[in-house]
N, C-alpha and C. Protein backbone atom coordinates (compact mmCIF):
# COMPACT_ATOMS: atom_id res chain seq x y z
N MET A 1 0.80 -1.44 0.03
CA MET A 1 0.09 0.03 -0.01
C MET A 1 0.85 1.46 0.13
N VAL A 2 1.74 1.32 0.73
CA VAL A 2 2.75 2.53 1.06
C VAL A 2 3.41 2.74 -0.19
N GLN A 3 3.77 1.69 -0.92
CA GLN A 3 4.75 1.94 -2.14
C GLN A 3 3.81 2.22 -3.29
N LYS A 4 2.36 1.80 -3.40
CA LYS A 4 1.90 2.12 -4.58
C LYS A 4 1.09 3.61 -4.16
N LEU A 5 1.62 4.52 -2.79
CA LEU A 5 1.08 5.74 -2.69
C LEU A 5 2.28 6.19 -3.17
N GLU A 6 3.07 5.88 -2.08
CA GLU A 6 4.34 6.49 -2.85
C GLU A 6 4.65 6.81 -4.59
N THR A 7 4.40 5.77 -5.34
CA THR A 7 4.19 5.76 -6.53
C THR A 7 3.64 6.67 -7.55
N ALA A 8 2.56 7.10 -6.75
CA ALA A 8 1.82 7.94 -7.17
C ALA A 8 1.79 9.38 -6.57
N GLY A 9 2.55 9.53 -6.01
CA GLY A 9 3.07 10.66 -5.46
C GLY A 9 2.70 11.40 -3.98
N ALA A 10 2.04 10.80 -3.44
CA ALA A 10 1.34 10.54 -2.26
C ALA A 10 2.62 10.88 -0.83
N THR A 11 2.38 11.69 0.04
CA THR A 11 2.86 12.21 0.73
C THR A 11 2.84 11.17 2.43
N ILE A 12 3.54 10.13 2.46
CA ILE A 12 3.57 9.70 4.01
C ILE A 12 3.50 10.66 4.93
N LEU A 13 2.06 11.19 5.66
CA LEU A 13 2.50 12.17 6.90
C LEU A 13 2.83 11.46 7.94
N LYS A 14 2.55 10.05 8.08
CA LYS A 14 2.87 9.20 9.11
C LYS A 14 2.18 7.74 9.26
N ASN A 15 3.30 7.40 9.75
CA ASN A 15 3.56 5.80 9.39
C ASN A 15 4.41 4.77 10.72
N GLU A 16 3.50 4.43 11.75
CA GLU A 16 3.77 4.33 13.41
C GLU A 16 3.38 3.17 13.54
N THR A 17 3.36 1.81 14.14
CA THR A 17 2.73 0.81 14.61
C THR A 17 3.80 0.68 16.23
N ASP A 18 3.45 -0.10 17.53
CA ASP A 18 3.71 -0.80 18.50
C ASP A 18 4.67 -1.75 18.27
N PRO A 19 5.31 -2.39 19.15
CA PRO A 19 6.22 -3.37 19.29
C PRO A 19 5.29 -4.85 19.00
N ILE A 20 5.59 -5.72 18.59
CA ILE A 20 4.42 -6.97 18.37
C ILE A 20 3.74 -7.37 19.71
N LEU A 21 2.88 -8.24 19.83
CA LEU A 21 2.31 -8.45 20.73
C LEU A 21 3.42 -9.85 21.12
N THR A 22 3.72 -10.62 22.08
CA THR A 22 4.23 -11.83 22.24
C THR A 22 3.41 -12.96 22.78
N ALA A 23 3.41 -13.96 22.61
CA ALA A 23 2.38 -15.15 23.09
C ALA A 23 2.22 -15.80 24.61
N GLY A 24 3.50 -14.73 25.46
CA GLY A 24 3.85 -15.44 26.32
C GLY A 24 3.18 -13.75 27.24
N GLU A 25 2.76 -12.61 26.48
CA GLU A 25 2.58 -11.09 26.64
C GLU A 25 1.12 -11.40 26.62
N LEU A 26 0.74 -12.25 26.05
CA LEU A 26 -0.85 -12.59 25.55
C LEU A 26 -1.53 -13.23 26.50
N LYS A 27 -1.00 -14.67 26.90
CA LYS A 27 -1.15 -15.45 28.49
C LYS A 27 -1.51 -14.57 29.55
N ILE A 28 -0.28 -13.71 29.47
CA ILE A 28 -0.86 -13.15 31.09
C ILE A 28 -1.73 -11.93 30.77
N ARG A 29 -2.43 -11.48 29.95
CA ARG A 29 -3.78 -10.79 29.49
C ARG A 29 -4.66 -11.67 30.14
N GLU A 30 -4.69 -13.13 29.39
CA GLU A 30 -5.34 -14.14 29.67
C GLU A 30 -5.94 -14.25 30.86
N GLU A 31 -4.65 -14.91 31.44
CA GLU A 31 -5.29 -15.04 33.10
C GLU A 31 -5.00 -13.71 34.04
N SER A 32 -4.93 -12.75 33.93
CA SER A 32 -5.34 -11.84 34.40
C SER A 32 -6.57 -10.81 33.78
N PHE A 33 -7.43 -11.31 32.86
CA PHE A 33 -8.68 -10.64 32.34
C PHE A 33 -9.57 -12.34 32.74
N GLN A 34 -8.91 -12.98 33.42
CA GLN A 34 -9.28 -14.49 33.12
C GLN A 34 -10.79 -14.99 31.72
N THR A 35 -9.76 -14.88 30.72
CA THR A 35 -10.22 -14.76 29.50
C THR A 35 -9.79 -15.47 28.66
N THR A 36 -10.10 -16.03 27.03
CA THR A 36 -9.06 -16.84 26.09
C THR A 36 -9.47 -15.82 24.49
N PHE A 37 -8.53 -15.18 24.49
CA PHE A 37 -8.35 -14.74 23.07
C PHE A 37 -8.89 -15.79 21.84
N PRO A 38 -9.40 -14.83 20.76
CA PRO A 38 -9.46 -16.00 19.68
C PRO A 38 -8.31 -15.82 19.21
N ASP A 39 -8.04 -16.67 18.55
CA ASP A 39 -6.54 -17.37 17.68
C ASP A 39 -6.20 -16.17 16.67
N TRP A 40 -7.11 -14.92 15.83
CA TRP A 40 -6.40 -14.43 15.49
C TRP A 40 -6.18 -12.96 15.99
N VAL A 41 -6.14 -12.77 17.70
CA VAL A 41 -5.34 -11.53 18.05
C VAL A 41 -3.69 -12.50 17.78
N LEU A 42 -3.69 -13.09 18.28
CA LEU A 42 -1.93 -13.60 18.53
C LEU A 42 -1.62 -13.45 16.85
N LYS A 43 -2.36 -14.03 15.81
CA LYS A 43 -1.71 -14.07 14.62
C LYS A 43 -1.60 -12.38 14.05
N LEU A 44 -2.81 -11.31 14.31
CA LEU A 44 -3.39 -10.01 13.47
C LEU A 44 -1.64 -9.13 14.63
N TYR A 45 -1.82 -9.45 15.81
CA TYR A 45 -1.24 -8.41 16.75
C TYR A 45 -0.06 -8.88 16.85
N GLY A 46 0.70 -10.09 16.87
CA GLY A 46 1.97 -10.88 16.10
C GLY A 46 2.51 -10.42 15.64
N GLU A 47 2.44 -9.96 14.47
CA GLU A 47 2.66 -9.71 13.17
C GLU A 47 2.71 -7.97 12.84
N GLN A 48 1.60 -7.34 13.05
CA GLN A 48 1.90 -5.76 13.32
C GLN A 48 0.82 -5.52 14.51
N ASN A 49 1.70 -4.25 15.59
CA ASN A 49 0.89 -4.48 16.88
C ASN A 49 0.06 -2.92 16.21
N GLY A 50 -0.96 -2.81 15.56
CA GLY A 50 -1.65 -1.56 15.43
C GLY A 50 -0.95 -1.02 14.56
N LEU A 51 -1.58 0.06 13.64
CA LEU A 51 -0.47 1.01 13.08
C LEU A 51 -1.83 2.33 12.49
N LEU A 52 -0.71 3.40 12.49
CA LEU A 52 -1.15 4.82 12.41
C LEU A 52 -0.44 5.17 11.35
N ARG A 53 -1.50 4.93 10.18
CA ARG A 53 -0.47 5.43 8.64
C ARG A 53 -1.46 7.12 8.15
N ARG A 54 -1.05 7.82 7.75
CA ARG A 54 -1.70 9.02 7.18
C ARG A 54 -1.22 9.26 6.15
N TRP A 55 -1.78 9.78 5.29
CA TRP A 55 -1.00 9.83 3.57
C TRP A 55 -2.26 11.45 3.15
N GLU A 56 -1.61 12.14 2.22
CA GLU A 56 -2.20 12.88 1.50
C GLU A 56 -1.88 13.03 -0.23
N LEU A 57 -2.31 13.71 -1.08
CA LEU A 57 -2.13 13.20 -1.87
C LEU A 57 -2.87 14.12 -3.28
N LYS A 58 -1.98 15.16 -3.90
CA LYS A 58 -2.49 16.10 -5.01
C LYS A 58 -2.35 15.66 -6.62
N GLN A 59 -3.45 15.93 -7.26
CA GLN A 59 -2.61 16.12 -8.98
C GLN A 59 -3.39 16.57 -9.04
N ASN A 60 -3.21 18.16 -10.11
CA ASN A 60 -4.34 18.73 -10.79
C ASN A 60 -5.10 19.15 -9.33
N ASP A 61 -6.57 19.30 -10.40
CA ASP A 61 -7.99 19.39 -9.36
C ASP A 61 -8.03 18.43 -8.35
N ILE A 62 -7.62 17.48 -7.98
CA ILE A 62 -8.35 16.58 -7.24
C ILE A 62 -7.06 16.66 -6.05
N SER A 63 -7.86 16.15 -4.68
CA SER A 63 -7.22 16.11 -3.58
C SER A 63 -7.50 15.49 -2.31
N LEU A 64 -6.80 14.19 -2.24
CA LEU A 64 -6.94 12.55 -1.85
C LEU A 64 -6.56 12.97 -0.43
N SER A 65 -6.86 12.15 0.63
CA SER A 65 -6.39 12.24 2.15
C SER A 65 -7.00 10.45 2.73
N GLY A 66 -6.28 10.10 3.59
CA GLY A 66 -6.54 8.87 3.92
C GLY A 66 -5.67 8.52 5.08
N PHE A 67 -6.21 7.32 5.48
CA PHE A 67 -5.82 6.88 6.79
C PHE A 67 -5.69 5.40 7.61
N ILE A 68 -5.05 4.68 7.95
CA ILE A 68 -5.36 3.63 8.91
C ILE A 68 -4.78 3.85 10.25
N ASN A 69 -5.74 3.45 11.47
CA ASN A 69 -5.85 4.08 12.70
C ASN A 69 -6.15 3.17 13.55
N LEU A 70 -5.34 1.58 13.29
CA LEU A 70 -5.80 0.24 13.89
C LEU A 70 -5.22 0.41 14.85
N TYR A 71 -5.62 0.06 16.11
CA TYR A 71 -5.37 0.28 17.70
C TYR A 71 -4.52 -1.07 17.95
N SER A 72 -3.34 -0.69 18.84
CA SER A 72 -2.61 -1.62 19.15
C SER A 72 -3.25 -2.64 20.16
N PHE A 73 -2.85 -3.82 20.32
CA PHE A 73 -4.13 -4.81 21.06
C PHE A 73 -4.19 -3.89 22.76
N GLU A 74 -2.88 -3.77 22.89
CA GLU A 74 -3.19 -2.36 24.63
C GLU A 74 -3.89 -1.54 24.37
N ARG A 75 -4.21 -1.15 23.46
CA ARG A 75 -5.29 0.16 23.37
C ARG A 75 -6.68 -0.65 23.21
N MET A 76 -6.65 -1.19 22.46
CA MET A 76 -7.91 -2.22 21.84
C MET A 76 -8.50 -2.60 23.14
N TYR A 77 -8.00 -3.27 23.97
CA TYR A 77 -8.48 -4.22 24.79
C TYR A 77 -8.17 -3.63 25.84
N ILE A 78 -7.52 -2.83 26.39
CA ILE A 78 -7.70 -1.89 27.78
C ILE A 78 -7.68 -0.97 27.35
N TYR A 79 -6.93 0.29 26.69
CA TYR A 79 -7.12 1.81 26.96
C TYR A 79 -8.37 2.12 26.23
N SER A 80 -8.69 1.48 25.35
CA SER A 80 -9.84 1.99 25.17
C SER A 80 -11.27 2.22 26.27
N HIS A 81 -11.27 0.85 26.76
CA HIS A 81 -12.30 1.32 28.29
C HIS A 81 -11.39 2.23 29.16
N GLU A 82 -10.69 1.88 29.65
CA GLU A 82 -9.96 3.32 30.56
C GLU A 82 -10.35 4.47 30.13
N LYS A 83 -10.18 4.33 28.97
CA LYS A 83 -10.71 5.76 28.63
C LYS A 83 -11.83 6.24 28.50
N GLN A 84 -12.88 5.21 28.31
CA GLN A 84 -14.07 5.55 28.02
C GLN A 84 -14.26 6.54 26.70
N GLN A 85 -13.78 5.95 25.70
CA GLN A 85 -13.96 6.48 24.53
C GLN A 85 -15.13 5.99 23.90
N LEU A 86 -15.90 5.25 23.88
CA LEU A 86 -17.17 4.59 23.39
C LEU A 86 -18.55 5.31 24.21
N TRP A 87 -17.98 5.88 25.12
CA TRP A 87 -19.23 6.14 25.97
C TRP A 87 -19.32 7.14 27.22
N GLU A 88 -20.06 8.12 27.61
CA GLU A 88 -20.30 9.01 29.00
C GLU A 88 -20.80 8.93 29.59
N ASP A 89 -20.47 9.07 31.37
CA ASP A 89 -20.81 8.66 32.51
C ASP A 89 -22.17 8.69 32.64
N TRP A 90 -23.19 9.82 31.21
CA TRP A 90 -24.19 10.37 31.73
C TRP A 90 -25.80 9.50 30.58
N TYR A 91 -24.36 8.12 30.18
CA TYR A 91 -25.40 7.90 29.40
C TYR A 91 -26.19 6.75 29.99
N LYS A 92 -27.22 6.29 29.62
CA LYS A 92 -28.10 5.16 30.13
C LYS A 92 -27.50 4.38 30.42
N GLU A 93 -27.87 3.65 31.59
CA GLU A 93 -26.69 2.26 32.23
C GLU A 93 -27.19 1.20 31.04
N GLU A 94 -27.90 0.99 30.78
CA GLU A 94 -28.21 0.22 30.13
C GLU A 94 -26.80 0.19 28.57
N ASP A 95 -27.00 0.92 28.54
CA ASP A 95 -26.09 1.09 27.00
C ASP A 95 -25.25 1.23 27.37
N ILE A 96 -24.18 1.56 28.53
CA ILE A 96 -22.82 1.79 28.94
C ILE A 96 -22.52 0.14 29.25
N GLU A 97 -23.83 -0.45 29.80
CA GLU A 97 -23.34 -2.12 29.83
C GLU A 97 -22.96 -2.56 28.18
N ARG A 98 -23.84 -2.46 27.64
CA ARG A 98 -24.10 -3.22 26.22
C ARG A 98 -22.40 -2.64 25.39
N ILE A 99 -21.98 -1.28 25.49
CA ILE A 99 -21.20 -0.80 24.70
C ILE A 99 -19.81 -1.16 25.47
N LYS A 100 -19.91 -1.48 26.78
CA LYS A 100 -18.60 -2.10 27.47
C LYS A 100 -18.18 -3.43 26.62
N LYS A 101 -19.03 -3.78 26.25
CA LYS A 101 -18.90 -5.65 25.78
C LYS A 101 -17.97 -5.53 24.41
N HIS A 102 -17.87 -3.94 23.97
CA HIS A 102 -16.77 -3.72 22.68
C HIS A 102 -15.91 -3.25 22.73
N CYS A 103 -14.52 -3.50 22.04
CA CYS A 103 -13.11 -2.77 22.25
C CYS A 103 -13.15 -1.68 20.88
N ILE A 104 -11.99 -0.92 21.15
CA ILE A 104 -11.98 -0.43 19.44
C ILE A 104 -11.20 -1.17 18.58
N LEU A 105 -11.31 -1.86 17.68
CA LEU A 105 -10.88 -1.94 16.45
C LEU A 105 -10.00 -0.46 15.79
N GLU A 106 -10.51 0.52 15.42
CA GLU A 106 -9.70 1.51 14.44
C GLU A 106 -11.06 2.70 14.88
N GLN A 107 -9.91 3.77 15.25
CA GLN A 107 -10.86 5.02 15.58
C GLN A 107 -10.65 6.07 14.65
N ILE A 108 -11.51 6.23 13.94
CA ILE A 108 -11.83 6.80 12.26
C ILE A 108 -11.79 8.09 12.66
N LEU A 109 -10.43 9.06 12.09
CA LEU A 109 -10.10 9.87 12.18
C LEU A 109 -11.20 10.91 11.47
N GLY A 110 -11.05 12.08 12.47
CA GLY A 110 -11.67 13.39 11.75
C GLY A 110 -13.45 13.50 12.56
N ASP A 111 -13.56 12.56 13.60
CA ASP A 111 -15.01 12.79 13.86
C ASP A 111 -14.46 11.59 15.24
N ASP A 112 -15.88 11.44 15.54
CA ASP A 112 -16.24 10.76 17.23
C ASP A 112 -16.79 9.28 16.65
N SER A 113 -16.05 8.60 15.52
CA SER A 113 -16.90 7.69 15.45
C SER A 113 -15.83 6.37 15.11
N TYR A 114 -15.83 4.94 15.52
CA TYR A 114 -15.16 3.75 15.63
C TYR A 114 -15.33 2.57 15.47
N ILE A 115 -14.33 1.86 14.65
CA ILE A 115 -14.80 0.09 14.06
C ILE A 115 -14.64 -0.68 15.53
N THR A 116 -15.61 -1.50 16.04
CA THR A 116 -15.04 -1.94 17.42
C THR A 116 -15.54 -3.52 16.73
N VAL A 117 -14.74 -4.22 17.79
CA VAL A 117 -14.95 -5.73 17.88
C VAL A 117 -15.80 -6.22 19.28
N LYS A 118 -16.74 -7.08 19.01
CA LYS A 118 -17.20 -7.57 20.15
C LYS A 118 -17.18 -9.38 19.97
N PHE A 119 -16.50 -9.22 21.41
CA PHE A 119 -15.81 -10.82 21.28
C PHE A 119 -16.54 -11.50 22.06
N LEU A 120 -17.21 -12.81 21.38
CA LEU A 120 -18.44 -13.75 21.71
C LEU A 120 -17.89 -14.73 22.50
N PRO A 121 -18.93 -16.10 22.76
CA PRO A 121 -17.97 -17.17 23.35
C PRO A 121 -17.77 -17.89 22.24
N GLU A 122 -16.60 -18.94 22.21
CA GLU A 122 -16.48 -19.97 21.31
C GLU A 122 -15.46 -18.96 20.78
N ASN A 123 -14.39 -18.35 20.97
CA ASN A 123 -14.16 -17.36 20.09
C ASN A 123 -14.23 -17.08 18.90
N LYS A 124 -15.58 -16.18 19.19
CA LYS A 124 -16.29 -16.01 17.98
C LYS A 124 -16.26 -14.34 18.18
N TYR A 125 -16.12 -12.99 17.38
CA TYR A 125 -16.40 -11.93 17.88
C TYR A 125 -17.30 -11.21 16.25
N GLU A 126 -17.52 -10.27 16.28
CA GLU A 126 -18.28 -9.27 15.34
C GLU A 126 -17.78 -8.19 15.50
N LEU A 127 -17.81 -7.31 13.97
CA LEU A 127 -17.39 -6.06 13.89
C LEU A 127 -18.57 -5.07 13.42
N TYR A 128 -18.33 -3.82 14.50
CA TYR A 128 -19.45 -2.56 14.42
C TYR A 128 -19.04 -1.28 13.57
N TYR A 129 -20.15 -0.30 13.47
CA TYR A 129 -19.42 0.89 12.90
C TYR A 129 -20.36 1.44 14.10
N VAL A 130 -19.80 2.24 15.10
CA VAL A 130 -20.14 3.03 16.21
C VAL A 130 -19.94 4.01 15.94
N GLY A 131 -20.73 5.14 14.73
CA GLY A 131 -21.09 6.10 14.78
C GLY A 131 -20.84 7.34 15.93
N GLU A 132 -21.16 8.47 15.34
CA GLU A 132 -20.53 9.35 16.30
C GLU A 132 -22.06 9.86 17.05
N ASP A 133 -22.23 9.80 18.66
CA ASP A 133 -23.84 10.02 19.06
C ASP A 133 -24.45 8.56 18.67
N TYR A 134 -23.91 7.60 18.59
CA TYR A 134 -25.06 6.29 18.28
C TYR A 134 -25.65 5.26 19.26
N VAL A 135 -24.72 6.02 20.66
CA VAL A 135 -24.86 5.43 21.59
C VAL A 135 -25.72 5.02 22.73
N ASN A 136 -25.83 6.65 22.86
CA ASN A 136 -27.05 6.73 23.90
C ASN A 136 -28.18 6.33 23.65
N ASP A 137 -29.35 6.65 24.68
CA ASP A 137 -30.95 6.19 24.22
C ASP A 137 -31.15 5.28 23.39
N GLY A 138 -30.94 3.61 23.87
CA GLY A 138 -30.55 2.78 23.33
C GLY A 138 -29.80 2.59 22.32
N GLY A 139 -29.29 3.75 21.62
CA GLY A 139 -28.76 3.40 20.70
C GLY A 139 -27.53 1.98 20.39
N SER A 140 -26.93 1.50 21.27
CA SER A 140 -26.25 0.49 21.66
C SER A 140 -26.81 -0.87 21.34
N GLU A 141 -27.96 -1.07 21.60
CA GLU A 141 -28.95 -2.17 20.74
C GLU A 141 -28.69 -2.33 19.64
N ASP A 142 -28.73 -1.31 18.69
CA ASP A 142 -28.86 -1.36 17.05
C ASP A 142 -27.78 -0.75 16.55
N LEU A 143 -26.46 -1.55 17.20
CA LEU A 143 -25.38 -0.53 16.37
C LEU A 143 -25.42 -1.77 14.97
N PRO A 144 -24.61 -0.90 13.57
CA PRO A 144 -24.65 -1.73 12.29
C PRO A 144 -23.95 -2.27 12.42
N LYS A 145 -24.02 -3.23 12.32
CA LYS A 145 -22.78 -4.50 11.63
C LYS A 145 -21.85 -4.63 10.48
N ILE A 146 -21.01 -4.81 10.83
CA ILE A 146 -20.29 -4.87 9.43
C ILE A 146 -20.00 -6.14 8.90
N PRO A 147 -20.50 -7.21 8.04
CA PRO A 147 -20.12 -8.20 7.35
C PRO A 147 -18.93 -8.78 6.98
N LEU A 148 -17.23 -8.27 8.26
CA LEU A 148 -16.65 -9.02 7.38
C LEU A 148 -15.68 -9.62 8.64
N THR A 149 -14.87 -10.06 8.61
CA THR A 149 -13.86 -10.70 9.45
C THR A 149 -13.19 -10.06 9.57
N ILE A 150 -12.33 -9.80 10.30
CA ILE A 150 -11.01 -9.06 10.83
C ILE A 150 -10.14 -9.07 9.41
N GLU A 151 -9.81 -10.05 9.06
CA GLU A 151 -8.67 -10.24 7.89
C GLU A 151 -10.09 -9.81 6.72
N GLN A 152 -10.66 -9.58 6.35
CA GLN A 152 -11.26 -9.11 5.55
C GLN A 152 -11.92 -7.82 5.38
N TYR A 153 -11.80 -7.15 6.72
CA TYR A 153 -11.56 -5.73 6.84
C TYR A 153 -10.26 -4.84 7.01
N ILE A 154 -9.39 -5.67 6.94
CA ILE A 154 -8.13 -5.58 6.79
C ILE A 154 -7.82 -5.26 5.45
N LYS A 155 -8.22 -5.95 4.85
CA LYS A 155 -8.28 -6.55 3.09
C LYS A 155 -9.06 -5.36 2.71
N VAL A 156 -10.02 -4.82 2.91
CA VAL A 156 -10.60 -3.70 2.20
C VAL A 156 -10.07 -2.60 2.22
N ILE A 157 -9.61 -2.18 3.85
CA ILE A 157 -9.69 -1.03 4.18
C ILE A 157 -8.30 -0.67 3.31
N THR A 158 -7.17 -1.69 3.63
CA THR A 158 -6.10 -1.40 2.50
C THR A 158 -6.36 -1.35 0.93
N GLY A 159 -7.19 -2.19 0.89
CA GLY A 159 -7.63 -2.51 -0.83
C GLY A 159 -7.67 -0.50 -1.37
N TYR A 160 -8.93 0.04 -0.56
CA TYR A 160 -9.18 1.48 -0.54
C TYR A 160 -8.39 2.48 -0.31
N TYR A 161 -6.97 2.14 0.36
CA TYR A 161 -5.96 3.21 0.79
C TYR A 161 -6.39 3.83 1.85
N GLY A 162 -7.52 2.96 2.59
CA GLY A 162 -7.61 4.18 3.64
C GLY A 162 -8.02 5.20 3.51
N VAL A 163 -8.69 5.21 2.26
CA VAL A 163 -9.21 6.77 1.64
C VAL A 163 -9.82 7.17 3.09
N TYR A 164 -10.16 8.55 2.76
CA TYR A 164 -11.39 9.25 3.73
C TYR A 164 -12.92 8.90 3.83
N GLY A 165 -13.64 8.74 4.13
CA GLY A 165 -14.55 8.57 4.51
C GLY A 165 -15.69 7.16 4.67
N ILE A 166 -14.05 6.12 3.95
CA ILE A 166 -14.40 4.92 3.29
C ILE A 166 -15.29 4.17 4.70
N CYS A 167 -14.57 4.01 6.22
CA CYS A 167 -14.99 3.21 7.04
C CYS A 167 -16.67 3.61 6.97
N HIS A 168 -17.21 4.95 7.14
CA HIS A 168 -18.64 5.30 7.32
C HIS A 168 -19.78 4.42 6.47
N HIS A 169 -19.43 3.67 5.51
CA HIS A 169 -20.09 2.71 4.41
C HIS A 169 -19.58 1.23 4.30
N LEU A 170 -18.81 0.87 5.25
CA LEU A 170 -18.46 -0.48 5.45
C LEU A 170 -19.55 -1.24 6.04
N TYR A 171 -20.29 -1.20 7.05
CA TYR A 171 -22.03 -1.97 7.53
C TYR A 171 -23.22 -2.09 6.22
N LYS A 172 -22.47 -1.14 4.87
CA LYS A 172 -24.41 -1.19 4.45
C LYS A 172 -23.46 -2.29 3.24
N ASP A 173 -24.38 -3.28 2.92
CA ASP A 173 -24.73 -4.33 2.00
C ASP A 173 -24.44 -3.79 0.66
N GLU A 174 -25.31 -2.33 0.13
CA GLU A 174 -25.29 -2.40 -1.35
C GLU A 174 -23.55 -1.69 -1.55
N PHE A 175 -22.65 -1.37 -0.48
CA PHE A 175 -21.56 -0.78 -0.38
C PHE A 175 -20.80 -2.05 -1.53
N TYR A 176 -21.03 -3.23 -1.07
CA TYR A 176 -19.84 -4.38 -1.29
C TYR A 176 -20.87 -4.72 -2.82
N LYS A 177 -21.90 -4.61 -3.35
CA LYS A 177 -22.06 -4.77 -4.46
C LYS A 177 -22.11 -3.49 -5.36
N ASN A 178 -22.26 -2.18 -5.45
CA ASN A 178 -21.98 -0.65 -6.04
C ASN A 178 -20.94 0.32 -4.79
N PRO A 179 -20.02 -0.07 -5.08
CA PRO A 179 -18.80 1.03 -4.14
C PRO A 179 -19.09 2.04 -4.45
N PHE A 180 -18.92 2.71 -6.05
CA PHE A 180 -18.76 3.89 -6.51
C PHE A 180 -20.02 4.27 -6.14
N ASP A 181 -21.18 4.06 -6.31
CA ASP A 181 -22.22 4.63 -6.61
C ASP A 181 -22.55 5.12 -4.76
N VAL A 182 -22.35 4.12 -3.73
CA VAL A 182 -22.59 4.32 -2.50
C VAL A 182 -21.78 5.37 -2.17
N TYR A 183 -20.66 5.46 -2.57
CA TYR A 183 -19.43 6.20 -1.86
C TYR A 183 -18.65 6.56 -3.21
N PRO A 184 -19.09 8.12 -4.06
CA PRO A 184 -19.00 8.43 -5.61
C PRO A 184 -17.62 9.15 -5.21
N LYS A 185 -16.88 9.25 -3.76
CA LYS A 185 -15.15 9.94 -3.60
C LYS A 185 -14.33 8.66 -4.36
N LEU A 186 -14.62 7.56 -4.35
CA LEU A 186 -13.65 6.68 -5.09
C LEU A 186 -13.28 6.64 -6.69
N ARG A 187 -14.36 7.87 -7.11
CA ARG A 187 -14.33 8.02 -8.47
C ARG A 187 -12.98 8.62 -8.63
N GLU A 188 -12.71 9.77 -7.70
CA GLU A 188 -11.48 10.19 -7.54
C GLU A 188 -10.39 9.39 -7.26
N LEU A 189 -9.87 8.02 -6.53
CA LEU A 189 -9.46 7.47 -6.22
C LEU A 189 -8.68 6.55 -7.62
N GLU A 190 -9.99 6.57 -8.07
CA GLU A 190 -10.04 5.65 -9.69
C GLU A 190 -9.19 6.45 -10.65
N GLN A 191 -8.96 7.56 -10.44
CA GLN A 191 -8.35 8.54 -11.21
C GLN A 191 -6.66 8.81 -10.68
N MET A 192 -6.66 8.75 -9.77
CA MET A 192 -5.33 8.78 -9.15
C MET A 192 -4.61 7.77 -9.23
N PHE A 193 -5.04 6.34 -9.46
CA PHE A 193 -4.55 5.26 -9.51
C PHE A 193 -5.21 4.31 -10.76
N PRO A 194 -4.41 4.84 -12.07
CA PRO A 194 -4.83 3.86 -12.82
C PRO A 194 -5.64 2.54 -12.90
N ASP A 195 -4.42 1.52 -11.97
CA ASP A 195 -4.65 0.06 -12.06
C ASP A 195 -5.62 -0.10 -10.38
N PHE A 196 -6.23 1.00 -10.06
CA PHE A 196 -7.55 0.33 -9.15
C PHE A 196 -8.32 -0.13 -9.38
N GLU A 197 -8.91 -1.41 -8.34
CA GLU A 197 -9.65 -2.16 -8.40
C GLU A 197 -10.44 -2.26 -7.03
N PRO A 198 -11.77 -1.96 -6.81
CA PRO A 198 -12.08 -2.14 -5.34
C PRO A 198 -12.15 -3.78 -5.17
N PRO A 199 -11.29 -3.60 -3.79
CA PRO A 199 -11.04 -5.50 -3.39
C PRO A 199 -12.07 -6.11 -3.04
N THR A 200 -12.15 -7.74 -3.90
CA THR A 200 -13.13 -8.61 -2.82
C THR A 200 -13.00 -9.10 -2.10
N ILE A 201 -14.14 -9.55 -1.33
CA ILE A 201 -14.41 -10.69 -0.16
C ILE A 201 -14.98 -11.58 -0.33
């Protein structure tokens, strides 16, 4: 992704990651929280522990920017709850209890929206889009579910170069059928990258 961006003339504004998660560290976390994490946790965070990548690209009259802001394991499972990024103390109690079951996978830069992962029994999980002001007044019960696995999610956001705004559409079934109609901004991405094709899942 970075190579393609740089070839197209993009400026990489930030490209940071944390030290990888080890099996020993994960075992300590499991014992501490009395839980078992799905296999994908070590596979994902043991290869790259979070990623903050921001870029911008200007050509003629077109200006694009994008980001990937995947939380590290520590931020995903611990920090997002300690900092209460998903709720405020004055939210309804039932909303807080429901949203506490979610951890932040990615923070959407530019507004107060998130992609979350909800751990389920038997090593299963679900991804959700938590938009700004979605959670209170019963909103935590009807959060839009993203129909992707973690692997598919990463494939999709990197396939679209993390272009700004893409995360707001990933819960829409129609997006996977007609991405250019759902998010017309992608036409500009297509102009910037002649070999661009929407990622398939």
